[in-house]
Structure formats: structure tokens, C-alpha cells
């Protein structure tokens, strides 16, 4: 039996896996391990958030900004 929190957590995990796939396609030269670390770091910033619906979008923006050429 799964709870709402478990289902939400599993859905978030799926979103983050898809995000890492997109980032890997767009930033193939960076390497999957570094992308995973960046996503994990940004995701941790929102660990205490009460609403998680927008966390994947916020994480993606932050990671893309970190990888943008300067």
C-alpha cells in the first residue's frame, strides 16, 4: 500500500530522472555524474519545501544557469 507522500516522491523521482536525461542530451560534454551532482545539489535546496510541484522546474533552471557559458 502506498501513501500519497510515497506516490508524490516516486513521481518526483521520475521527473528528476527525465530532467537528467534532458540535461544529458543538451550538455553531453558535461558528463552524467556531474549533471547528477548538480541536480542533487539543487534538489536538496528544496528538501523542506511544502509544495513540490514546481521543484523540478526550479532545479532545471538553476542547473542550466550554472552550466551556461559566461
C-alpha atoms as a PDB file:
ATOM      1  CA  UNK A   1       0.000   0.000   0.000  1.00  0.00           C
ATOM      2  CA  UNK A   2       1.451   3.373  -0.949  1.00  0.00           C
ATOM      3  CA  UNK A   3       0.707   6.658   0.680  1.00  0.00           C
ATOM      4  CA  UNK A   4       0.216   9.964  -1.044  1.00  0.00           C
ATOM      5  CA  UNK A   5       3.697  11.032   0.098  1.00  0.00           C
ATOM      6  CA  UNK A   6       5.227   7.876  -1.370  1.00  0.00           C
ATOM      7  CA  UNK A   7       3.423   8.406  -4.671  1.00  0.00           C
ATOM      8  CA  UNK A   8       4.485  12.041  -4.765  1.00  0.00           C
ATOM      9  CA  UNK A   9       8.070  11.064  -4.004  1.00  0.00           C
ATOM     10  CA  UNK A  10       8.059   8.442  -6.762  1.00  0.00           C
ATOM     11  CA  UNK A  11       6.611  10.973  -9.216  1.00  0.00           C
ATOM     12  CA  UNK A  12       9.315  13.470  -8.287  1.00  0.00           C
ATOM     13  CA  UNK A  13      11.993  10.826  -8.755  1.00  0.00           C
ATOM     14  CA  UNK A  14      10.601  10.154 -12.240  1.00  0.00           C
ATOM     15  CA  UNK A  15      10.632  13.874 -13.062  1.00  0.00           C
ATOM     16  CA  UNK A  16      14.228  14.194 -11.916  1.00  0.00           C
ATOM     17  CA  UNK A  17      15.303  11.150 -13.927  1.00  0.00           C
ATOM     18  CA  UNK A  18      13.684  12.690 -17.008  1.00  0.00           C
ATOM     19  CA  UNK A  19      15.362  16.004 -16.219  1.00  0.00           C
ATOM     20  CA  UNK A  20      18.767  14.342 -16.033  1.00  0.00           C
ATOM     21  CA  UNK A  21      18.091  12.677 -19.396  1.00  0.00           C
ATOM     22  CA  UNK A  22      17.246  16.061 -20.977  1.00  0.00           C
ATOM     23  CA  UNK A  23      20.297  17.719 -19.458  1.00  0.00           C
ATOM     24  CA  UNK A  24      22.499  14.851 -20.624  1.00  0.00           C
ATOM     25  CA  UNK A  25      21.246  15.346 -24.182  1.00  0.00           C
ATOM     26  CA  UNK A  26      21.734  19.126 -24.034  1.00  0.00           C
ATOM     27  CA  UNK A  27      25.058  19.072 -22.161  1.00  0.00           C
ATOM     28  CA  UNK A  28      26.628  15.790 -23.279  1.00  0.00           C
ATOM     29  CA  UNK A  29      30.108  17.242 -22.806  1.00  0.00           C
ATOM     30  CA  UNK A  30      29.499  17.775 -19.066  1.00  0.00           C
ATOM     31  CA  UNK A  31      29.053  14.114 -18.176  1.00  0.00           C
ATOM     32  CA  UNK A  32      26.242  12.337 -16.413  1.00  0.00           C
ATOM     33  CA  UNK A  33      27.927  12.130 -12.977  1.00  0.00           C
ATOM     34  CA  UNK A  34      28.435  15.909 -12.799  1.00  0.00           C
ATOM     35  CA  UNK A  35      24.887  16.565 -14.016  1.00  0.00           C
ATOM     36  CA  UNK A  36      23.556  14.205 -11.358  1.00  0.00           C
ATOM     37  CA  UNK A  37      25.579  16.018  -8.686  1.00  0.00           C
ATOM     38  CA  UNK A  38      24.290  19.410  -9.843  1.00  0.00           C
ATOM     39  CA  UNK A  39      20.683  18.193  -9.860  1.00  0.00           C
ATOM     40  CA  UNK A  40      21.090  16.616  -6.413  1.00  0.00           C
ATOM     41  CA  UNK A  41      22.642  19.798  -5.022  1.00  0.00           C
ATOM     42  CA  UNK A  42      19.824  21.992  -6.327  1.00  0.00           C
ATOM     43  CA  UNK A  43      17.165  19.470  -5.317  1.00  0.00           C
ATOM     44  CA  UNK A  44      18.486  19.462  -1.754  1.00  0.00           C
ATOM     45  CA  UNK A  45      17.829  23.196  -1.523  1.00  0.00           C
ATOM     46  CA  UNK A  46      14.102  22.449  -1.760  1.00  0.00           C
ATOM     47  CA  UNK A  47      14.017  19.432   0.571  1.00  0.00           C
ATOM     48  CA  UNK A  48      11.949  21.290   3.154  1.00  0.00           C
ATOM     49  CA  UNK A  49       9.521  22.811   0.672  1.00  0.00           C
ATOM     50  CA  UNK A  50       5.868  22.269   1.497  1.00  0.00           C
ATOM     51  CA  UNK A  51       4.825  22.296  -2.158  1.00  0.00           C
ATOM     52  CA  UNK A  52       6.925  20.268  -4.560  1.00  0.00           C
ATOM     53  CA  UNK A  53       5.025  20.792  -7.817  1.00  0.00           C
ATOM     54  CA  UNK A  54       7.479  23.366  -9.177  1.00  0.00           C
ATOM     55  CA  UNK A  55      10.695  21.951  -7.729  1.00  0.00           C
ATOM     56  CA  UNK A  56      11.761  20.140 -10.940  1.00  0.00           C
ATOM     57  CA  UNK A  57      11.348  23.346 -12.955  1.00  0.00           C
ATOM     58  CA  UNK A  58      13.286  25.398 -10.415  1.00  0.00           C
ATOM     59  CA  UNK A  59      16.047  22.792 -10.272  1.00  0.00           C
ATOM     60  CA  UNK A  60      16.273  22.670 -14.072  1.00  0.00           C
ATOM     61  CA  UNK A  61      16.574  26.459 -14.319  1.00  0.00           C
ATOM     62  CA  UNK A  62      19.282  26.562 -11.669  1.00  0.00           C
ATOM     63  CA  UNK A  63      21.308  23.765 -13.267  1.00  0.00           C
ATOM     64  CA  UNK A  64      21.024  25.289 -16.746  1.00  0.00           C
ATOM     65  CA  UNK A  65      22.108  28.661 -15.341  1.00  0.00           C
ATOM     66  CA  UNK A  66      25.113  27.017 -13.677  1.00  0.00           C
ATOM     67  CA  UNK A  67      26.091  25.384 -16.975  1.00  0.00           C
ATOM     68  CA  UNK A  68      25.510  28.456 -19.154  1.00  0.00           C
ATOM     69  CA  UNK A  69      28.597  29.889 -20.822  1.00  0.00           C
ATOM     70  CA  UNK A  70      29.794  33.110 -19.248  1.00  0.00           C
END
